[in-house]
């Protein structure tokens, strides 16, 4: 009988709940917002309960999404700092995206991943995604509030409405592109990444391959295991 490989906790229950809260509210806002943005996608409003409901819920769900992103900032801001090791790792990101580091022999790219630029809890791509969602989320919040309360703006500040009409969809497109890449990388490229945000645990071999710096720190701080 094969022994089951040891596993390590990658995401706590709190982290998984807030991650899925942000993800699910974003998906809702994506379809809801497309329905409100263009008549070509208005049929989505019917799927989501009708136009009036879509219009009424969009800003409130948006507040939940932004609150979730801010909460993640509070618990992950230290892990999301971009370091010199991240910059070295960026030079091999092409091999990472093509998944070559798993199948190639000990080439320069493989040595870069395993020795020269090990990865901490989050790699550079994950950090870029986080900061894209964070800063674009702030833009969406500010412009969304302007569009939500336009009738209360004094005439001298009406230009904010026109500015928000431009910036709100631009910020959305930034988050949409980042979201698509994030989902693709977590499901199709990095095997085991998606299940880690469901179960919370990963195998030691997975962690050693993808996040060796983080694993070394976890094992060093953990009590001795049998």
C-alpha atoms as a PDB file:
ATOM      1  CA  UNK A   1       0.000   0.000   0.000  1.00  0.00           C
ATOM      2  CA  UNK A   2       1.353   3.385  -0.957  1.00  0.00           C
ATOM      3  CA  UNK A   3       1.704   5.875   1.842  1.00  0.00           C
ATOM      4  CA  UNK A   4      -0.295   9.038   1.401  1.00  0.00           C
ATOM      5  CA  UNK A   5       1.942  12.015   0.814  1.00  0.00           C
ATOM      6  CA  UNK A   6       2.156  14.553   3.599  1.00  0.00           C
ATOM      7  CA  UNK A   7       0.117  17.687   3.100  1.00  0.00           C
ATOM      8  CA  UNK A   8       0.528  21.259   4.305  1.00  0.00           C
ATOM      9  CA  UNK A   9      -2.086  23.919   4.947  1.00  0.00           C
ATOM     10  CA  UNK A  10      -1.908  26.569   2.242  1.00  0.00           C
ATOM     11  CA  UNK A  11      -5.098  28.535   2.895  1.00  0.00           C
ATOM     12  CA  UNK A  12      -7.017  28.790   6.142  1.00  0.00           C
ATOM     13  CA  UNK A  13     -10.797  28.500   6.175  1.00  0.00           C
ATOM     14  CA  UNK A  14     -11.049  32.278   6.577  1.00  0.00           C
ATOM     15  CA  UNK A  15      -8.841  32.850   3.546  1.00  0.00           C
ATOM     16  CA  UNK A  16     -10.830  30.406   1.439  1.00  0.00           C
ATOM     17  CA  UNK A  17     -14.170  31.952   2.397  1.00  0.00           C
ATOM     18  CA  UNK A  18     -13.027  35.485   1.588  1.00  0.00           C
ATOM     19  CA  UNK A  19     -11.424  34.294  -1.673  1.00  0.00           C
ATOM     20  CA  UNK A  20     -14.648  32.652  -2.840  1.00  0.00           C
ATOM     21  CA  UNK A  21     -16.726  35.590  -1.682  1.00  0.00           C
ATOM     22  CA  UNK A  22     -14.608  37.910  -3.827  1.00  0.00           C
ATOM     23  CA  UNK A  23     -14.649  35.490  -6.755  1.00  0.00           C
ATOM     24  CA  UNK A  24     -18.382  34.804  -6.768  1.00  0.00           C
ATOM     25  CA  UNK A  25     -19.382  38.434  -6.304  1.00  0.00           C
ATOM     26  CA  UNK A  26     -17.019  39.378  -9.134  1.00  0.00           C
ATOM     27  CA  UNK A  27     -18.627  36.810 -11.464  1.00  0.00           C
ATOM     28  CA  UNK A  28     -22.058  38.190 -10.597  1.00  0.00           C
ATOM     29  CA  UNK A  29     -20.877  41.754 -11.200  1.00  0.00           C
ATOM     30  CA  UNK A  30     -19.309  40.685 -14.484  1.00  0.00           C
ATOM     31  CA  UNK A  31     -22.578  39.411 -15.957  1.00  0.00           C
ATOM     32  CA  UNK A  32     -24.689  42.016 -14.201  1.00  0.00           C
ATOM     33  CA  UNK A  33     -22.455  44.853 -15.373  1.00  0.00           C
ATOM     34  CA  UNK A  34     -22.338  43.616 -18.977  1.00  0.00           C
ATOM     35  CA  UNK A  35     -26.141  43.659 -19.018  1.00  0.00           C
ATOM     36  CA  UNK A  36     -26.149  47.285 -17.885  1.00  0.00           C
ATOM     37  CA  UNK A  37     -23.244  48.324 -20.122  1.00  0.00           C
ATOM     38  CA  UNK A  38     -24.498  47.357 -23.571  1.00  0.00           C
ATOM     39  CA  UNK A  39     -27.909  46.525 -25.074  1.00  0.00           C
ATOM     40  CA  UNK A  40     -26.307  43.539 -26.819  1.00  0.00           C
ATOM     41  CA  UNK A  41     -25.905  41.862 -23.415  1.00  0.00           C
ATOM     42  CA  UNK A  42     -29.243  42.944 -21.966  1.00  0.00           C
ATOM     43  CA  UNK A  43     -30.490  39.357 -22.108  1.00  0.00           C
ATOM     44  CA  UNK A  44     -28.206  38.672 -19.132  1.00  0.00           C
ATOM     45  CA  UNK A  45     -30.423  40.932 -17.026  1.00  0.00           C
ATOM     46  CA  UNK A  46     -33.355  38.582 -17.646  1.00  0.00           C
ATOM     47  CA  UNK A  47     -31.253  35.627 -16.504  1.00  0.00           C
ATOM     48  CA  UNK A  48     -30.337  37.524 -13.320  1.00  0.00           C
ATOM     49  CA  UNK A  49     -33.929  38.403 -12.442  1.00  0.00           C
ATOM     50  CA  UNK A  50     -34.749  41.332 -14.676  1.00  0.00           C
ATOM     51  CA  UNK A  51     -33.457  44.833 -15.429  1.00  0.00           C
ATOM     52  CA  UNK A  52     -34.705  46.596 -12.288  1.00  0.00           C
ATOM     53  CA  UNK A  53     -33.207  43.934 -10.027  1.00  0.00           C
ATOM     54  CA  UNK A  54     -29.907  44.014 -11.928  1.00  0.00           C
ATOM     55  CA  UNK A  55     -29.727  47.786 -11.599  1.00  0.00           C
ATOM     56  CA  UNK A  56     -30.628  47.709  -7.903  1.00  0.00           C
ATOM     57  CA  UNK A  57     -28.215  44.943  -6.885  1.00  0.00           C
ATOM     58  CA  UNK A  58     -25.149  45.968  -8.919  1.00  0.00           C
ATOM     59  CA  UNK A  59     -23.863  48.698  -6.559  1.00  0.00           C
ATOM     60  CA  UNK A  60     -24.604  46.705  -3.412  1.00  0.00           C
ATOM     61  CA  UNK A  61     -22.871  43.565  -4.635  1.00  0.00           C
ATOM     62  CA  UNK A  62     -20.060  45.830  -5.783  1.00  0.00           C
ATOM     63  CA  UNK A  63     -19.600  47.022  -2.219  1.00  0.00           C
ATOM     64  CA  UNK A  64     -19.385  43.413  -1.025  1.00  0.00           C
ATOM     65  CA  UNK A  65     -16.749  42.650  -3.674  1.00  0.00           C
ATOM     66  CA  UNK A  66     -14.630  45.671  -2.767  1.00  0.00           C
ATOM     67  CA  UNK A  67     -14.959  44.867   0.950  1.00  0.00           C
ATOM     68  CA  UNK A  68     -13.711  41.332   0.246  1.00  0.00           C
ATOM     69  CA  UNK A  69     -10.747  42.671  -1.740  1.00  0.00           C
ATOM     70  CA  UNK A  70      -9.877  45.107   1.049  1.00  0.00           C
ATOM     71  CA  UNK A  71     -10.108  42.275   3.574  1.00  0.00           C
ATOM     72  CA  UNK A  72      -7.698  40.214   1.498  1.00  0.00           C
ATOM     73  CA  UNK A  73      -5.384  43.202   1.426  1.00  0.00           C
ATOM     74  CA  UNK A  74      -5.452  43.198   5.211  1.00  0.00           C
ATOM     75  CA  UNK A  75      -4.436  39.545   5.518  1.00  0.00           C
ATOM     76  CA  UNK A  76      -2.142  39.213   2.467  1.00  0.00           C
ATOM     77  CA  UNK A  77      -0.476  42.602   2.024  1.00  0.00           C
ATOM     78  CA  UNK A  78       2.865  41.363   3.386  1.00  0.00           C
ATOM     79  CA  UNK A  79       2.782  38.240   1.231  1.00  0.00           C
ATOM     80  CA  UNK A  80       2.012  40.371  -1.832  1.00  0.00           C
ATOM     81  CA  UNK A  81       5.073  42.612  -1.627  1.00  0.00           C
ATOM     82  CA  UNK A  82       7.188  42.319  -4.773  1.00  0.00           C
ATOM     83  CA  UNK A  83      10.761  41.355  -3.927  1.00  0.00           C
ATOM     84  CA  UNK A  84      14.063  41.056  -5.727  1.00  0.00           C
ATOM     85  CA  UNK A  85      13.542  37.292  -5.862  1.00  0.00           C
ATOM     86  CA  UNK A  86      10.277  37.922  -7.713  1.00  0.00           C
ATOM     87  CA  UNK A  87      12.114  40.068 -10.248  1.00  0.00           C
ATOM     88  CA  UNK A  88      14.643  37.297 -10.844  1.00  0.00           C
ATOM     89  CA  UNK A  89      11.827  34.776 -11.182  1.00  0.00           C
ATOM     90  CA  UNK A  90      10.159  37.028 -13.774  1.00  0.00           C
ATOM     91  CA  UNK A  91      12.994  36.253 -16.182  1.00  0.00           C
ATOM     92  CA  UNK A  92      11.794  32.645 -16.333  1.00  0.00           C
ATOM     93  CA  UNK A  93       8.060  33.380 -16.420  1.00  0.00           C
ATOM     94  CA  UNK A  94       7.814  32.328 -20.053  1.00  0.00           C
ATOM     95  CA  UNK A  95       8.815  28.776 -19.159  1.00  0.00           C
ATOM     96  CA  UNK A  96       6.376  28.873 -16.251  1.00  0.00           C
ATOM     97  CA  UNK A  97       3.440  29.933 -18.434  1.00  0.00           C
ATOM     98  CA  UNK A  98       4.283  27.180 -20.948  1.00  0.00           C
ATOM     99  CA  UNK A  99       4.563  24.701 -18.062  1.00  0.00           C
ATOM    100  CA  UNK A 100       8.040  23.776 -19.250  1.00  0.00           C
ATOM    101  CA  UNK A 101       9.570  23.713 -15.791  1.00  0.00           C
ATOM    102  CA  UNK A 102       7.692  20.486 -15.075  1.00  0.00           C
ATOM    103  CA  UNK A 103       8.766  18.536 -18.148  1.00  0.00           C
ATOM    104  CA  UNK A 104      12.147  19.842 -19.284  1.00  0.00           C
ATOM    105  CA  UNK A 105      15.462  18.430 -18.092  1.00  0.00           C
ATOM    106  CA  UNK A 106      17.753  20.489 -15.891  1.00  0.00           C
ATOM    107  CA  UNK A 107      18.069  23.391 -18.317  1.00  0.00           C
ATOM    108  CA  UNK A 108      18.886  26.949 -17.369  1.00  0.00           C
ATOM    109  CA  UNK A 109      15.154  27.653 -17.038  1.00  0.00           C
ATOM    110  CA  UNK A 110      14.736  24.687 -14.686  1.00  0.00           C
ATOM    111  CA  UNK A 111      17.740  25.734 -12.618  1.00  0.00           C
ATOM    112  CA  UNK A 112      16.254  29.218 -12.369  1.00  0.00           C
ATOM    113  CA  UNK A 113      13.033  27.857 -10.949  1.00  0.00           C
ATOM    114  CA  UNK A 114      14.568  25.385  -8.536  1.00  0.00           C
ATOM    115  CA  UNK A 115      17.668  27.216  -7.354  1.00  0.00           C
ATOM    116  CA  UNK A 116      18.185  30.729  -8.617  1.00  0.00           C
ATOM    117  CA  UNK A 117      14.731  32.214  -7.999  1.00  0.00           C
ATOM    118  CA  UNK A 118      12.599  30.077  -5.645  1.00  0.00           C
ATOM    119  CA  UNK A 119       9.040  31.254  -5.058  1.00  0.00           C
ATOM    120  CA  UNK A 120       7.508  32.356  -1.768  1.00  0.00           C
ATOM    121  CA  UNK A 121       3.838  31.924  -0.842  1.00  0.00           C
ATOM    122  CA  UNK A 122       2.689  33.739  -3.997  1.00  0.00           C
ATOM    123  CA  UNK A 123       4.536  34.035  -7.277  1.00  0.00           C
ATOM    124  CA  UNK A 124       4.933  37.271  -9.206  1.00  0.00           C
ATOM    125  CA  UNK A 125       1.963  36.579 -11.460  1.00  0.00           C
ATOM    126  CA  UNK A 126      -0.313  36.069  -8.473  1.00  0.00           C
ATOM    127  CA  UNK A 127       0.972  39.281  -6.956  1.00  0.00           C
ATOM    128  CA  UNK A 128       0.341  41.219 -10.170  1.00  0.00           C
ATOM    129  CA  UNK A 129      -3.180  39.817 -10.244  1.00  0.00           C
ATOM    130  CA  UNK A 130      -3.812  40.840  -6.655  1.00  0.00           C
ATOM    131  CA  UNK A 131      -2.601  44.404  -7.161  1.00  0.00           C
ATOM    132  CA  UNK A 132      -4.502  44.752 -10.434  1.00  0.00           C
ATOM    133  CA  UNK A 133      -7.730  43.752  -8.680  1.00  0.00           C
ATOM    134  CA  UNK A 134      -6.954  45.926  -5.664  1.00  0.00           C
ATOM    135  CA  UNK A 135      -6.202  49.170  -7.504  1.00  0.00           C
ATOM    136  CA  UNK A 136      -8.808  48.631 -10.194  1.00  0.00           C
ATOM    137  CA  UNK A 137     -11.255  47.805  -7.402  1.00  0.00           C
ATOM    138  CA  UNK A 138     -10.594  51.206  -5.852  1.00  0.00           C
ATOM    139  CA  UNK A 139     -11.256  52.891  -9.209  1.00  0.00           C
ATOM    140  CA  UNK A 140     -14.455  50.868  -9.615  1.00  0.00           C
ATOM    141  CA  UNK A 141     -15.559  51.863  -6.122  1.00  0.00           C
ATOM    142  CA  UNK A 142     -14.947  55.582  -6.585  1.00  0.00           C
ATOM    143  CA  UNK A 143     -16.401  55.808 -10.075  1.00  0.00           C
ATOM    144  CA  UNK A 144     -19.266  53.531  -9.107  1.00  0.00           C
ATOM    145  CA  UNK A 145     -20.189  55.783  -6.204  1.00  0.00           C
ATOM    146  CA  UNK A 146     -20.224  58.776  -8.542  1.00  0.00           C
ATOM    147  CA  UNK A 147     -22.509  56.970 -11.001  1.00  0.00           C
ATOM    148  CA  UNK A 148     -24.678  55.698  -8.151  1.00  0.00           C
ATOM    149  CA  UNK A 149     -25.220  59.153  -6.640  1.00  0.00           C
ATOM    150  CA  UNK A 150     -24.968  61.299  -9.771  1.00  0.00           C
ATOM    151  CA  UNK A 151     -28.150  63.240  -9.029  1.00  0.00           C
ATOM    152  CA  UNK A 152     -26.646  64.508  -5.785  1.00  0.00           C
ATOM    153  CA  UNK A 153     -23.539  65.970  -7.400  1.00  0.00           C
ATOM    154  CA  UNK A 154     -23.453  69.765  -7.596  1.00  0.00           C
ATOM    155  CA  UNK A 155     -23.368  71.120 -11.123  1.00  0.00           C
ATOM    156  CA  UNK A 156     -19.757  72.220 -10.712  1.00  0.00           C
ATOM    157  CA  UNK A 157     -18.745  68.554 -10.214  1.00  0.00           C
ATOM    158  CA  UNK A 158     -20.739  67.120 -13.120  1.00  0.00           C
ATOM    159  CA  UNK A 159     -17.483  66.437 -14.942  1.00  0.00           C
ATOM    160  CA  UNK A 160     -16.910  63.598 -12.459  1.00  0.00           C
ATOM    161  CA  UNK A 161     -19.842  61.745 -13.990  1.00  0.00           C
ATOM    162  CA  UNK A 162     -18.347  61.897 -17.481  1.00  0.00           C
ATOM    163  CA  UNK A 163     -14.958  60.897 -16.131  1.00  0.00           C
ATOM    164  CA  UNK A 164     -16.508  57.976 -14.276  1.00  0.00           C
ATOM    165  CA  UNK A 165     -18.372  56.825 -17.391  1.00  0.00           C
ATOM    166  CA  UNK A 166     -14.946  56.430 -19.036  1.00  0.00           C
ATOM    167  CA  UNK A 167     -12.897  55.094 -16.110  1.00  0.00           C
ATOM    168  CA  UNK A 168     -15.434  52.572 -14.797  1.00  0.00           C
ATOM    169  CA  UNK A 169     -15.414  50.329 -17.894  1.00  0.00           C
ATOM    170  CA  UNK A 170     -11.636  50.726 -18.270  1.00  0.00           C
ATOM    171  CA  UNK A 171     -11.128  49.493 -14.708  1.00  0.00           C
ATOM    172  CA  UNK A 172     -13.567  46.661 -15.414  1.00  0.00           C
ATOM    173  CA  UNK A 173     -11.592  45.591 -18.497  1.00  0.00           C
ATOM    174  CA  UNK A 174      -8.404  45.526 -16.402  1.00  0.00           C
ATOM    175  CA  UNK A 175     -10.044  43.256 -13.818  1.00  0.00           C
ATOM    176  CA  UNK A 176     -11.638  41.094 -16.508  1.00  0.00           C
ATOM    177  CA  UNK A 177      -8.331  40.441 -18.246  1.00  0.00           C
ATOM    178  CA  UNK A 178      -6.627  39.702 -14.931  1.00  0.00           C
ATOM    179  CA  UNK A 179      -9.479  37.432 -13.857  1.00  0.00           C
ATOM    180  CA  UNK A 180      -9.412  35.360 -17.058  1.00  0.00           C
ATOM    181  CA  UNK A 181      -5.643  34.861 -16.766  1.00  0.00           C
ATOM    182  CA  UNK A 182      -5.954  33.998 -13.068  1.00  0.00           C
ATOM    183  CA  UNK A 183      -8.626  31.350 -13.676  1.00  0.00           C
ATOM    184  CA  UNK A 184      -6.722  29.899 -16.637  1.00  0.00           C
ATOM    185  CA  UNK A 185      -3.446  29.659 -14.726  1.00  0.00           C
ATOM    186  CA  UNK A 186      -5.119  28.194 -11.638  1.00  0.00           C
ATOM    187  CA  UNK A 187      -7.036  25.513 -13.528  1.00  0.00           C
ATOM    188  CA  UNK A 188      -5.284  24.657 -16.798  1.00  0.00           C
ATOM    189  CA  UNK A 189      -1.618  25.451 -16.135  1.00  0.00           C
ATOM    190  CA  UNK A 190      -0.848  24.959 -12.441  1.00  0.00           C
ATOM    191  CA  UNK A 191      -2.398  21.607 -11.616  1.00  0.00           C
ATOM    192  CA  UNK A 192      -3.550  21.558  -8.030  1.00  0.00           C
ATOM    193  CA  UNK A 193      -3.893  25.330  -7.739  1.00  0.00           C
ATOM    194  CA  UNK A 194      -7.694  25.288  -7.989  1.00  0.00           C
ATOM    195  CA  UNK A 195      -8.188  22.480  -5.476  1.00  0.00           C
ATOM    196  CA  UNK A 196      -5.955  24.288  -2.990  1.00  0.00           C
ATOM    197  CA  UNK A 197      -8.561  27.049  -2.597  1.00  0.00           C
ATOM    198  CA  UNK A 198     -11.231  24.394  -2.005  1.00  0.00           C
ATOM    199  CA  UNK A 199      -9.495  21.950   0.333  1.00  0.00           C
ATOM    200  CA  UNK A 200      -6.984  24.434   1.700  1.00  0.00           C
ATOM    201  CA  UNK A 201      -4.190  21.861   1.629  1.00  0.00           C
ATOM    202  CA  UNK A 202      -1.515  20.921  -0.899  1.00  0.00           C
ATOM    203  CA  UNK A 203       1.008  18.122  -1.010  1.00  0.00           C
ATOM    204  CA  UNK A 204       4.550  18.831   0.073  1.00  0.00           C
ATOM    205  CA  UNK A 205       5.847  17.940  -3.381  1.00  0.00           C
ATOM    206  CA  UNK A 206       3.460  20.451  -4.999  1.00  0.00           C
ATOM    207  CA  UNK A 207       4.484  23.149  -2.535  1.00  0.00           C
ATOM    208  CA  UNK A 208       8.168  22.368  -2.999  1.00  0.00           C
ATOM    209  CA  UNK A 209       7.835  22.594  -6.770  1.00  0.00           C
ATOM    210  CA  UNK A 210       5.775  25.793  -6.942  1.00  0.00           C
ATOM    211  CA  UNK A 211       6.480  27.663  -3.678  1.00  0.00           C
ATOM    212  CA  UNK A 212       9.687  26.304  -2.171  1.00  0.00           C
ATOM    213  CA  UNK A 213      10.561  29.373  -0.080  1.00  0.00           C
ATOM    214  CA  UNK A 214       7.128  29.304   1.507  1.00  0.00           C
ATOM    215  CA  UNK A 215       7.280  25.562   2.191  1.00  0.00           C
ATOM    216  CA  UNK A 216      10.712  25.807   3.775  1.00  0.00           C
ATOM    217  CA  UNK A 217       9.441  28.507   6.126  1.00  0.00           C
ATOM    218  CA  UNK A 218       6.307  26.525   6.990  1.00  0.00           C
ATOM    219  CA  UNK A 219       8.255  23.352   7.735  1.00  0.00           C
ATOM    220  CA  UNK A 220      10.810  25.252   9.778  1.00  0.00           C
ATOM    221  CA  UNK A 221       8.138  26.867  11.961  1.00  0.00           C
ATOM    222  CA  UNK A 222       5.996  23.735  12.331  1.00  0.00           C
ATOM    223  CA  UNK A 223       6.472  21.331  15.229  1.00  0.00           C
ATOM    224  CA  UNK A 224       8.432  18.196  14.444  1.00  0.00           C
ATOM    225  CA  UNK A 225       6.304  15.736  12.544  1.00  0.00           C
ATOM    226  CA  UNK A 226       6.473  11.997  12.664  1.00  0.00           C
END
